[in-house]
Amino acid sequence: MPGGDLIEYLKKKCELLPEGCTKKIIKQVATGIKALHDRNIIHRDIKLNNILMNSNGENPEAFIGDFGSSTKLKSSFDTSQFGIGTPGYIAPEILLG
């Protein structure tokens, strides 16, 4: 992706993003996560490095990448018992078992 990951994109901007741009990125990521969850897919490694930007410009689009840790559940009521994730990004409920 030409814009790199979200960390690279933010470093290149060297300033605070305008509120509208920030809202757009958050909405795109949330919409992507919802689309995955609607298909019973859990990503399990959402972090700034795995949000990819298609542009360095003012109106980038955000995409979710790196599905190496993802899994597809049998149903929306199913759960995954396998703990996985990047240290420092792991949800507290995973750490607590």
C-alpha atoms as a PDB file:
ATOM      1  CA  MET A   1       0.000   0.000   0.000  1.00  0.00           C
ATOM      2  CA  PRO A   2       1.489   3.352  -1.021  1.00  0.00           C
ATOM      3  CA  GLY A   3       0.689   5.034   2.310  1.00  0.00           C
ATOM      4  CA  GLY A   4       2.316   2.276   4.380  1.00  0.00           C
ATOM      5  CA  ASP A   5       0.840   1.300   7.705  1.00  0.00           C
ATOM      6  CA  LEU A   6      -0.940   3.737   9.978  1.00  0.00           C
ATOM      7  CA  ILE A   7       2.197   4.388  12.059  1.00  0.00           C
ATOM      8  CA  GLU A   8       4.202   5.353   8.942  1.00  0.00           C
ATOM      9  CA  TYR A   9       1.320   7.489   7.702  1.00  0.00           C
ATOM     10  CA  LEU A  10       1.143   9.403  11.004  1.00  0.00           C
ATOM     11  CA  LYS A  11       4.930   9.918  11.088  1.00  0.00           C
ATOM     12  CA  LYS A  12       4.904  11.365   7.561  1.00  0.00           C
ATOM     13  CA  LYS A  13       2.182  13.821   8.540  1.00  0.00           C
ATOM     14  CA  CYS A  14       4.360  15.187  11.406  1.00  0.00           C
ATOM     15  CA  GLU A  15       1.292  16.929  12.801  1.00  0.00           C
ATOM     16  CA  LEU A  16      -2.074  16.178  14.298  1.00  0.00           C
ATOM     17  CA  LEU A  17      -4.574  14.843  11.807  1.00  0.00           C
ATOM     18  CA  PRO A  18      -7.645  16.957  11.217  1.00  0.00           C
ATOM     19  CA  GLU A  19     -10.669  15.665  13.107  1.00  0.00           C
ATOM     20  CA  GLY A  20     -12.486  14.767   9.887  1.00  0.00           C
ATOM     21  CA  CYS A  21      -9.599  12.617   8.644  1.00  0.00           C
ATOM     22  CA  THR A  22      -9.297  10.902  12.030  1.00  0.00           C
ATOM     23  CA  LYS A  23     -13.027  10.129  12.085  1.00  0.00           C
ATOM     24  CA  LYS A  24     -12.852   8.732   8.563  1.00  0.00           C
ATOM     25  CA  ILE A  25      -9.974   6.375   9.411  1.00  0.00           C
ATOM     26  CA  ILE A  26     -11.652   5.157  12.613  1.00  0.00           C
ATOM     27  CA  LYS A  27     -14.938   4.600  10.775  1.00  0.00           C
ATOM     28  CA  GLN A  28     -13.214   2.636   8.004  1.00  0.00           C
ATOM     29  CA  VAL A  29     -11.439   0.375  10.508  1.00  0.00           C
ATOM     30  CA  ALA A  30     -14.631  -0.137  12.533  1.00  0.00           C
ATOM     31  CA  THR A  31     -16.573  -0.925   9.345  1.00  0.00           C
ATOM     32  CA  GLY A  32     -13.890  -3.439   8.347  1.00  0.00           C
ATOM     33  CA  ILE A  33     -13.998  -5.133  11.750  1.00  0.00           C
ATOM     34  CA  LYS A  34     -17.802  -5.286  11.603  1.00  0.00           C
ATOM     35  CA  ALA A  35     -17.632  -6.856   8.121  1.00  0.00           C
ATOM     36  CA  LEU A  36     -15.269  -9.511   9.481  1.00  0.00           C
ATOM     37  CA  HIS A  37     -17.427 -10.169  12.544  1.00  0.00           C
ATOM     38  CA  ASP A  38     -20.543 -10.432  10.342  1.00  0.00           C
ATOM     39  CA  ARG A  39     -18.725 -13.338   8.659  1.00  0.00           C
ATOM     40  CA  ASN A  40     -17.671 -14.861  12.024  1.00  0.00           C
ATOM     41  CA  ILE A  41     -14.020 -13.959  11.414  1.00  0.00           C
ATOM     42  CA  ILE A  42     -11.900 -12.613  14.235  1.00  0.00           C
ATOM     43  CA  HIS A  43      -8.664 -10.860  13.300  1.00  0.00           C
ATOM     44  CA  ARG A  44      -6.927 -11.202  16.701  1.00  0.00           C
ATOM     45  CA  ASP A  45      -4.105  -8.771  15.919  1.00  0.00           C
ATOM     46  CA  ILE A  46      -5.599  -5.329  15.247  1.00  0.00           C
ATOM     47  CA  LYS A  47      -2.900  -2.710  15.812  1.00  0.00           C
ATOM     48  CA  LEU A  48      -1.542   0.362  14.032  1.00  0.00           C
ATOM     49  CA  ASN A  49       0.973  -1.745  12.074  1.00  0.00           C
ATOM     50  CA  ASN A  50      -1.874  -3.797  10.595  1.00  0.00           C
ATOM     51  CA  ILE A  51      -3.928  -0.830   9.391  1.00  0.00           C
ATOM     52  CA  LEU A  52      -2.728  -0.110   5.854  1.00  0.00           C
ATOM     53  CA  MET A  53      -3.191   3.204   4.065  1.00  0.00           C
ATOM     54  CA  ASN A  54      -3.700   3.443   0.307  1.00  0.00           C
ATOM     55  CA  SER A  55      -2.377   7.008   0.061  1.00  0.00           C
ATOM     56  CA  ASN A  56      -0.175   9.604   1.708  1.00  0.00           C
ATOM     57  CA  GLY A  57      -2.625  12.319   0.671  1.00  0.00           C
ATOM     58  CA  GLU A  58      -5.378  14.129   2.481  1.00  0.00           C
ATOM     59  CA  ASN A  59      -8.105  11.540   1.806  1.00  0.00           C
ATOM     60  CA  PRO A  60      -6.543   8.142   2.431  1.00  0.00           C
ATOM     61  CA  GLU A  61      -8.492   4.936   2.810  1.00  0.00           C
ATOM     62  CA  ALA A  62      -7.645   2.519   5.607  1.00  0.00           C
ATOM     63  CA  PHE A  63      -7.581  -1.243   5.120  1.00  0.00           C
ATOM     64  CA  ILE A  64      -7.087  -4.056   7.611  1.00  0.00           C
ATOM     65  CA  GLY A  65      -4.118  -6.286   6.812  1.00  0.00           C
ATOM     66  CA  ASP A  66      -2.165  -9.261   8.189  1.00  0.00           C
ATOM     67  CA  PHE A  67      -4.709 -12.020   8.669  1.00  0.00           C
ATOM     68  CA  GLY A  68      -2.064 -14.517   9.799  1.00  0.00           C
ATOM     69  CA  SER A  69      -3.557 -14.727  13.289  1.00  0.00           C
ATOM     70  CA  SER A  70      -7.199 -14.591  12.230  1.00  0.00           C
ATOM     71  CA  THR A  71      -9.656 -17.428  12.592  1.00  0.00           C
ATOM     72  CA  LYS A  72     -13.161 -18.212  11.387  1.00  0.00           C
ATOM     73  CA  LEU A  73     -15.614 -19.269  14.053  1.00  0.00           C
ATOM     74  CA  LYS A  74     -18.427 -21.761  13.425  1.00  0.00           C
ATOM     75  CA  SER A  75     -21.077 -19.286  14.538  1.00  0.00           C
ATOM     76  CA  SER A  76     -21.447 -15.865  16.106  1.00  0.00           C
ATOM     77  CA  PHE A  77     -21.925 -17.626  19.466  1.00  0.00           C
ATOM     78  CA  ASP A  78     -18.697 -19.628  19.174  1.00  0.00           C
ATOM     79  CA  THR A  79     -15.555 -18.536  21.018  1.00  0.00           C
ATOM     80  CA  SER A  80     -11.863 -19.059  20.490  1.00  0.00           C
ATOM     81  CA  GLN A  81      -9.932 -20.554  23.384  1.00  0.00           C
ATOM     82  CA  PHE A  82      -6.533 -20.019  21.783  1.00  0.00           C
ATOM     83  CA  GLY A  83      -4.732 -16.945  23.135  1.00  0.00           C
ATOM     84  CA  ILE A  84      -2.671 -15.033  20.607  1.00  0.00           C
ATOM     85  CA  GLY A  85      -1.518 -11.486  20.036  1.00  0.00           C
ATOM     86  CA  THR A  86       1.280  -8.981  20.222  1.00  0.00           C
ATOM     87  CA  PRO A  87       2.510  -8.250  23.762  1.00  0.00           C
ATOM     88  CA  GLY A  88       1.390  -4.791  24.779  1.00  0.00           C
ATOM     89  CA  TYR A  89      -1.725  -5.052  22.599  1.00  0.00           C
ATOM     90  CA  ILE A  90      -3.276  -8.097  24.265  1.00  0.00           C
ATOM     91  CA  ALA A  91      -6.719  -7.482  25.741  1.00  0.00           C
ATOM     92  CA  PRO A  92      -6.859  -7.647  29.549  1.00  0.00           C
ATOM     93  CA  GLU A  93      -9.425 -10.473  29.454  1.00  0.00           C
ATOM     94  CA  ILE A  94      -6.953 -12.608  27.489  1.00  0.00           C
ATOM     95  CA  LEU A  95      -4.237 -12.009  30.062  1.00  0.00           C
ATOM     96  CA  LEU A  96      -6.657 -12.921  32.858  1.00  0.00           C
ATOM     97  CA  GLY A  97      -7.605 -16.148  31.088  1.00  0.00           C
END
